[in-house]
Amino acid sequence: MTLVEQILPILLIILVGVALRRFEVFSPSAIESLTRVVVNIVLPSVLFTVFLEMEMKPAYAGVFVVVGGICLGLYGLGFVLGRLVAPHHPYFRFLFTGLEYGMLGVSLFGGAYGLEKVGYAAQPFRPRPVASA
């Protein structure tokens, strides 16, 4: 599968969305209803399927610890910056930990490679072996 074949469906989906919005095909209430369906039904279903089919190994524990540490560090940074930048915004610190795997990562990866391969995005990075010449 070439890069163009992977990116083209995503670009087409984005362009269709822009066109639907520009020509006001859906009313604001319909868009809100569709958003609720996607966020409350489709996304949890896809994530459930991914985690159901994901191969868990003890070696992945390090990835969970590192990601958890990064999220805690970002939460701390958001807490400190929140006091300076937005002292009256109670949720400011949580915005730093939203790494968008669910809303953006799953949909883009699934659009590029197919939903049956979304589980690969949840596995730790493994460099490809170098082919001998």
N, C-alpha and C. Protein backbone atom coordinates (compact mmCIF):
# COMPACT_ATOMS: atom_id res chain seq x y z
N MET A 1 0.84 -1.17 0.00
CA MET A 1 0.00 0.00 0.00
C MET A 1 0.89 1.24 0.00
N THR A 2 0.70 2.10 -0.97
CA THR A 2 1.53 3.29 -1.07
C THR A 2 1.02 4.38 -0.13
N LEU A 3 1.86 5.37 0.05
CA LEU A 3 1.51 6.50 0.93
C LEU A 3 0.27 7.22 0.41
N VAL A 4 0.17 7.38 -0.89
CA VAL A 4 -1.00 8.05 -1.48
C VAL A 4 -2.26 7.26 -1.19
N GLU A 5 -2.20 5.93 -1.30
CA GLU A 5 -3.36 5.09 -1.02
C GLU A 5 -3.77 5.16 0.45
N GLN A 6 -2.82 5.44 1.32
CA GLN A 6 -3.12 5.55 2.74
C GLN A 6 -3.69 6.91 3.10
N ILE A 7 -3.19 7.96 2.48
CA ILE A 7 -3.58 9.32 2.82
C ILE A 7 -4.82 9.77 2.06
N LEU A 8 -5.02 9.31 0.85
CA LEU A 8 -6.13 9.76 0.01
C LEU A 8 -7.50 9.58 0.68
N PRO A 9 -7.80 8.41 1.29
CA PRO A 9 -9.12 8.29 1.94
C PRO A 9 -9.32 9.31 3.06
N ILE A 10 -8.26 9.60 3.81
CA ILE A 10 -8.38 10.58 4.89
C ILE A 10 -8.66 11.96 4.32
N LEU A 11 -7.93 12.33 3.28
CA LEU A 11 -8.15 13.64 2.66
C LEU A 11 -9.55 13.74 2.07
N LEU A 12 -10.03 12.67 1.46
CA LEU A 12 -11.38 12.69 0.90
C LEU A 12 -12.44 12.83 1.99
N ILE A 13 -12.26 12.16 3.10
CA ILE A 13 -13.20 12.28 4.21
C ILE A 13 -13.21 13.72 4.73
N ILE A 14 -12.03 14.30 4.88
CA ILE A 14 -11.95 15.69 5.34
C ILE A 14 -12.63 16.63 4.34
N LEU A 15 -12.36 16.44 3.06
CA LEU A 15 -12.97 17.30 2.04
C LEU A 15 -14.49 17.15 2.00
N VAL A 16 -14.99 15.93 2.14
CA VAL A 16 -16.45 15.72 2.19
C VAL A 16 -17.03 16.44 3.40
N GLY A 17 -16.36 16.33 4.54
CA GLY A 17 -16.82 17.02 5.74
C GLY A 17 -16.85 18.53 5.57
N VAL A 18 -15.82 19.08 4.94
CA VAL A 18 -15.77 20.53 4.67
C VAL A 18 -16.91 20.92 3.74
N ALA A 19 -17.13 20.13 2.69
CA ALA A 19 -18.21 20.44 1.74
C ALA A 19 -19.57 20.36 2.42
N LEU A 20 -19.80 19.34 3.23
CA LEU A 20 -21.08 19.21 3.94
C LEU A 20 -21.33 20.39 4.87
N ARG A 21 -20.27 20.86 5.50
CA ARG A 21 -20.41 22.00 6.40
C ARG A 21 -20.62 23.29 5.62
N ARG A 22 -19.86 23.47 4.56
CA ARG A 22 -19.95 24.70 3.77
C ARG A 22 -21.34 24.86 3.14
N PHE A 23 -21.89 23.76 2.63
CA PHE A 23 -23.21 23.82 1.99
C PHE A 23 -24.35 23.58 2.97
N GLU A 24 -24.02 23.52 4.26
CA GLU A 24 -25.01 23.38 5.34
C GLU A 24 -26.00 22.25 5.06
N VAL A 25 -25.47 21.09 4.74
CA VAL A 25 -26.30 19.91 4.46
C VAL A 25 -27.01 19.46 5.73
N PHE A 26 -26.34 19.56 6.87
CA PHE A 26 -26.91 19.15 8.14
C PHE A 26 -27.18 20.37 9.00
N SER A 27 -28.28 20.33 9.73
CA SER A 27 -28.58 21.42 10.67
C SER A 27 -27.67 21.28 11.89
N PRO A 28 -27.50 22.37 12.65
CA PRO A 28 -26.66 22.27 13.86
C PRO A 28 -27.13 21.18 14.82
N SER A 29 -28.44 20.98 14.94
CA SER A 29 -28.93 19.93 15.85
C SER A 29 -28.59 18.53 15.31
N ALA A 30 -28.62 18.36 13.98
CA ALA A 30 -28.25 17.08 13.38
C ALA A 30 -26.76 16.81 13.59
N ILE A 31 -25.94 17.84 13.46
CA ILE A 31 -24.50 17.68 13.69
C ILE A 31 -24.24 17.30 15.14
N GLU A 32 -24.96 17.94 16.05
CA GLU A 32 -24.81 17.61 17.47
C GLU A 32 -25.22 16.16 17.74
N SER A 33 -26.29 15.71 17.11
CA SER A 33 -26.73 14.32 17.28
C SER A 33 -25.72 13.34 16.69
N LEU A 34 -25.20 13.64 15.51
CA LEU A 34 -24.18 12.77 14.91
C LEU A 34 -22.93 12.72 15.77
N THR A 35 -22.54 13.86 16.32
CA THR A 35 -21.36 13.90 17.20
C THR A 35 -21.59 13.01 18.42
N ARG A 36 -22.78 13.08 18.99
CA ARG A 36 -23.09 12.24 20.15
C ARG A 36 -23.02 10.76 19.79
N VAL A 37 -23.52 10.40 18.62
CA VAL A 37 -23.47 9.00 18.19
C VAL A 37 -22.02 8.55 18.05
N VAL A 38 -21.21 9.36 17.41
CA VAL A 38 -19.80 9.00 17.21
C VAL A 38 -19.07 8.88 18.54
N VAL A 39 -19.23 9.88 19.40
CA VAL A 39 -18.48 9.91 20.67
C VAL A 39 -18.99 8.85 21.65
N ASN A 40 -20.30 8.63 21.70
CA ASN A 40 -20.86 7.74 22.71
C ASN A 40 -21.05 6.29 22.25
N ILE A 41 -21.08 6.05 20.94
CA ILE A 41 -21.32 4.69 20.46
C ILE A 41 -20.17 4.19 19.59
N VAL A 42 -19.84 4.91 18.54
CA VAL A 42 -18.84 4.43 17.58
C VAL A 42 -17.45 4.35 18.20
N LEU A 43 -16.99 5.45 18.78
CA LEU A 43 -15.64 5.46 19.34
C LEU A 43 -15.45 4.43 20.45
N PRO A 44 -16.35 4.32 21.43
CA PRO A 44 -16.17 3.26 22.44
C PRO A 44 -16.19 1.86 21.83
N SER A 45 -17.01 1.65 20.80
CA SER A 45 -17.06 0.34 20.16
C SER A 45 -15.74 0.00 19.48
N VAL A 46 -15.18 0.97 18.78
CA VAL A 46 -13.89 0.76 18.11
C VAL A 46 -12.79 0.51 19.14
N LEU A 47 -12.77 1.32 20.19
CA LEU A 47 -11.75 1.13 21.23
C LEU A 47 -11.91 -0.23 21.92
N PHE A 48 -13.14 -0.64 22.19
CA PHE A 48 -13.38 -1.95 22.80
C PHE A 48 -12.84 -3.06 21.89
N THR A 49 -13.13 -2.96 20.60
CA THR A 49 -12.66 -3.96 19.64
C THR A 49 -11.14 -3.99 19.59
N VAL A 50 -10.52 -2.82 19.60
CA VAL A 50 -9.06 -2.74 19.55
C VAL A 50 -8.46 -3.40 20.79
N PHE A 51 -8.96 -3.05 21.97
CA PHE A 51 -8.40 -3.61 23.19
C PHE A 51 -8.73 -5.09 23.33
N LEU A 52 -9.84 -5.52 22.76
CA LEU A 52 -10.19 -6.93 22.80
C LEU A 52 -9.22 -7.77 21.97
N GLU A 53 -8.81 -7.24 20.83
CA GLU A 53 -7.93 -7.97 19.92
C GLU A 53 -6.44 -7.69 20.15
N MET A 54 -6.13 -6.75 21.03
CA MET A 54 -4.74 -6.38 21.28
C MET A 54 -4.03 -7.47 22.07
N GLU A 55 -2.83 -7.78 21.66
CA GLU A 55 -2.03 -8.78 22.35
C GLU A 55 -1.27 -8.10 23.48
N MET A 56 -1.56 -8.52 24.70
CA MET A 56 -0.90 -7.93 25.87
C MET A 56 0.25 -8.84 26.31
N LYS A 57 1.39 -8.23 26.53
CA LYS A 57 2.57 -8.96 26.99
C LYS A 57 3.16 -8.22 28.18
N PRO A 58 3.82 -8.93 29.09
CA PRO A 58 4.46 -8.25 30.23
C PRO A 58 5.51 -7.22 29.79
N ALA A 59 6.10 -7.44 28.62
CA ALA A 59 7.11 -6.50 28.14
C ALA A 59 6.54 -5.12 27.86
N TYR A 60 5.21 -5.02 27.69
CA TYR A 60 4.58 -3.73 27.40
C TYR A 60 4.41 -2.88 28.66
N ALA A 61 4.65 -3.44 29.82
CA ALA A 61 4.46 -2.71 31.07
C ALA A 61 5.29 -1.43 31.10
N GLY A 62 6.48 -1.49 30.53
CA GLY A 62 7.34 -0.30 30.49
C GLY A 62 6.69 0.84 29.72
N VAL A 63 5.99 0.51 28.64
CA VAL A 63 5.31 1.54 27.85
C VAL A 63 4.23 2.20 28.69
N PHE A 64 3.46 1.41 29.43
CA PHE A 64 2.41 1.96 30.27
C PHE A 64 3.00 2.88 31.34
N VAL A 65 4.12 2.48 31.92
CA VAL A 65 4.76 3.29 32.95
C VAL A 65 5.27 4.60 32.35
N VAL A 66 5.91 4.53 31.19
CA VAL A 66 6.44 5.74 30.55
C VAL A 66 5.30 6.68 30.16
N VAL A 67 4.25 6.16 29.53
CA VAL A 67 3.13 7.01 29.13
C VAL A 67 2.44 7.59 30.37
N GLY A 68 2.27 6.79 31.40
CA GLY A 68 1.70 7.30 32.64
C GLY A 68 2.55 8.40 33.25
N GLY A 69 3.87 8.22 33.22
CA GLY A 69 4.78 9.26 33.72
C GLY A 69 4.69 10.54 32.90
N ILE A 70 4.60 10.39 31.60
CA ILE A 70 4.46 11.56 30.73
C ILE A 70 3.16 12.30 31.04
N CYS A 71 2.07 11.54 31.19
CA CYS A 71 0.78 12.17 31.50
C CYS A 71 0.82 12.88 32.86
N LEU A 72 1.45 12.25 33.85
CA LEU A 72 1.57 12.91 35.16
C LEU A 72 2.42 14.18 35.06
N GLY A 73 3.51 14.10 34.29
CA GLY A 73 4.35 15.28 34.08
C GLY A 73 3.60 16.40 33.38
N LEU A 74 2.82 16.04 32.36
CA LEU A 74 2.02 17.05 31.65
C LEU A 74 0.93 17.63 32.55
N TYR A 75 0.34 16.78 33.38
CA TYR A 75 -0.65 17.27 34.33
C TYR A 75 -0.01 18.28 35.29
N GLY A 76 1.18 17.96 35.78
CA GLY A 76 1.90 18.90 36.66
C GLY A 76 2.22 20.20 35.95
N LEU A 77 2.67 20.10 34.69
CA LEU A 77 2.95 21.30 33.91
C LEU A 77 1.68 22.12 33.71
N GLY A 78 0.58 21.46 33.42
CA GLY A 78 -0.71 22.16 33.26
C GLY A 78 -1.15 22.81 34.56
N PHE A 79 -0.88 22.15 35.68
CA PHE A 79 -1.24 22.70 36.98
C PHE A 79 -0.45 23.98 37.25
N VAL A 80 0.86 23.94 36.98
CA VAL A 80 1.71 25.12 37.21
C VAL A 80 1.34 26.25 36.24
N LEU A 81 1.24 25.92 34.95
CA LEU A 81 0.91 26.96 33.97
C LEU A 81 -0.52 27.46 34.15
N GLY A 82 -1.40 26.60 34.61
CA GLY A 82 -2.79 27.01 34.84
C GLY A 82 -2.90 28.12 35.86
N ARG A 83 -2.07 28.06 36.88
CA ARG A 83 -2.06 29.12 37.89
C ARG A 83 -1.63 30.46 37.30
N LEU A 84 -0.73 30.39 36.32
CA LEU A 84 -0.23 31.62 35.70
C LEU A 84 -1.11 32.12 34.57
N VAL A 85 -1.54 31.22 33.71
CA VAL A 85 -2.24 31.59 32.49
C VAL A 85 -3.75 31.69 32.69
N ALA A 86 -4.34 30.73 33.36
CA ALA A 86 -5.80 30.69 33.51
C ALA A 86 -6.17 30.28 34.93
N PRO A 87 -5.95 31.16 35.90
CA PRO A 87 -6.17 30.78 37.29
C PRO A 87 -7.62 30.46 37.64
N HIS A 88 -8.58 30.93 36.86
CA HIS A 88 -9.99 30.68 37.16
C HIS A 88 -10.59 29.58 36.31
N HIS A 89 -9.75 28.89 35.57
CA HIS A 89 -10.24 27.80 34.72
C HIS A 89 -9.91 26.47 35.41
N PRO A 90 -10.91 25.80 36.01
CA PRO A 90 -10.63 24.61 36.81
C PRO A 90 -10.14 23.40 36.02
N TYR A 91 -10.37 23.38 34.71
CA TYR A 91 -10.00 22.21 33.91
C TYR A 91 -8.77 22.43 33.05
N PHE A 92 -8.11 23.57 33.19
CA PHE A 92 -6.96 23.89 32.35
C PHE A 92 -5.88 22.82 32.43
N ARG A 93 -5.57 22.34 33.61
CA ARG A 93 -4.48 21.36 33.78
C ARG A 93 -4.77 20.05 33.08
N PHE A 94 -6.06 19.71 32.92
CA PHE A 94 -6.41 18.45 32.25
C PHE A 94 -6.19 18.52 30.75
N LEU A 95 -6.18 19.73 30.19
CA LEU A 95 -5.99 19.88 28.76
C LEU A 95 -4.60 19.44 28.32
N PHE A 96 -3.64 19.47 29.21
CA PHE A 96 -2.28 19.06 28.88
C PHE A 96 -2.12 17.55 28.77
N THR A 97 -3.06 16.80 29.32
CA THR A 97 -2.94 15.34 29.27
C THR A 97 -3.79 14.72 28.18
N GLY A 98 -4.52 15.51 27.42
CA GLY A 98 -5.36 14.99 26.34
C GLY A 98 -4.51 14.74 25.10
N LEU A 99 -3.99 13.56 24.96
CA LEU A 99 -3.06 13.26 23.88
C LEU A 99 -3.79 12.86 22.59
N GLU A 100 -5.11 12.85 22.62
CA GLU A 100 -5.96 12.63 21.45
C GLU A 100 -5.73 11.30 20.73
N TYR A 101 -5.41 10.28 21.45
CA TYR A 101 -5.33 8.97 20.80
C TYR A 101 -6.71 8.53 20.33
N GLY A 102 -7.71 8.71 21.16
CA GLY A 102 -9.04 8.22 20.83
C GLY A 102 -9.72 8.98 19.72
N MET A 103 -9.87 10.27 19.88
CA MET A 103 -10.66 11.05 18.92
C MET A 103 -9.95 11.22 17.58
N LEU A 104 -8.66 11.40 17.60
CA LEU A 104 -7.95 11.66 16.35
C LEU A 104 -7.12 10.46 15.90
N GLY A 105 -6.36 9.89 16.82
CA GLY A 105 -5.45 8.82 16.45
C GLY A 105 -6.13 7.59 15.88
N VAL A 106 -7.17 7.11 16.56
CA VAL A 106 -7.85 5.90 16.09
C VAL A 106 -8.51 6.14 14.74
N SER A 107 -9.17 7.28 14.59
CA SER A 107 -9.87 7.52 13.33
C SER A 107 -8.90 7.70 12.16
N LEU A 108 -7.81 8.43 12.36
CA LEU A 108 -6.85 8.61 11.27
C LEU A 108 -6.13 7.31 10.93
N PHE A 109 -5.69 6.59 11.94
CA PHE A 109 -5.00 5.33 11.71
C PHE A 109 -5.95 4.33 11.06
N GLY A 110 -7.17 4.25 11.57
CA GLY A 110 -8.16 3.34 10.99
C GLY A 110 -8.51 3.71 9.56
N GLY A 111 -8.58 5.01 9.28
CA GLY A 111 -8.87 5.44 7.92
C GLY A 111 -7.73 5.13 6.96
N ALA A 112 -6.51 5.21 7.45
CA ALA A 112 -5.35 4.98 6.59
C ALA A 112 -5.07 3.49 6.38
N TYR A 113 -5.19 2.70 7.44
CA TYR A 113 -4.77 1.29 7.36
C TYR A 113 -5.91 0.29 7.50
N GLY A 114 -7.12 0.76 7.83
CA GLY A 114 -8.25 -0.14 8.05
C GLY A 114 -8.44 -0.39 9.53
N LEU A 115 -9.70 -0.49 9.96
CA LEU A 115 -9.99 -0.65 11.38
C LEU A 115 -9.45 -1.96 11.94
N GLU A 116 -9.28 -2.97 11.09
CA GLU A 116 -8.76 -4.24 11.59
C GLU A 116 -7.30 -4.14 12.03
N LYS A 117 -6.61 -3.06 11.65
CA LYS A 117 -5.20 -2.90 12.02
C LYS A 117 -4.98 -1.82 13.07
N VAL A 118 -6.05 -1.29 13.67
CA VAL A 118 -5.92 -0.23 14.67
C VAL A 118 -5.15 -0.73 15.89
N GLY A 119 -5.21 -2.02 16.18
CA GLY A 119 -4.48 -2.57 17.32
C GLY A 119 -2.98 -2.36 17.23
N TYR A 120 -2.45 -2.23 16.04
CA TYR A 120 -1.02 -1.98 15.87
C TYR A 120 -0.61 -0.64 16.48
N ALA A 121 -1.52 0.33 16.47
CA ALA A 121 -1.20 1.64 17.02
C ALA A 121 -1.03 1.59 18.53
N ALA A 122 -1.60 0.59 19.18
CA ALA A 122 -1.51 0.47 20.63
C ALA A 122 -0.29 -0.32 21.08
N GLN A 123 0.42 -0.92 20.15
CA GLN A 123 1.59 -1.70 20.52
C GLN A 123 2.83 -0.82 20.53
N PRO A 124 3.80 -1.14 21.37
CA PRO A 124 5.01 -0.33 21.41
C PRO A 124 5.79 -0.38 20.11
N PHE A 125 6.54 0.66 19.88
CA PHE A 125 7.34 0.78 18.66
C PHE A 125 8.45 -0.28 18.65
N ARG A 126 8.57 -0.96 17.54
CA ARG A 126 9.67 -1.90 17.32
C ARG A 126 10.33 -1.56 16.01
N PRO A 127 11.60 -1.20 16.03
CA PRO A 127 12.26 -0.87 14.77
C PRO A 127 12.29 -2.07 13.83
N ARG A 128 12.17 -1.79 12.56
CA ARG A 128 12.25 -2.85 11.56
C ARG A 128 13.68 -3.32 11.43
N PRO A 129 13.87 -4.62 11.20
CA PRO A 129 15.25 -5.10 11.00
C PRO A 129 15.82 -4.54 9.71
N VAL A 130 17.07 -4.24 9.75
CA VAL A 130 17.76 -3.69 8.59
C VAL A 130 18.06 -4.83 7.61
N ALA A 131 17.64 -4.66 6.38
CA ALA A 131 17.89 -5.69 5.36
C ALA A 131 19.36 -5.66 4.96
N SER A 132 19.94 -6.84 4.86
CA SER A 132 21.35 -6.92 4.45
C SER A 132 21.44 -6.77 2.94
N ALA A 133 22.50 -6.11 2.51
CA ALA A 133 22.67 -5.84 1.07
C ALA A 133 23.36 -6.95 0.35
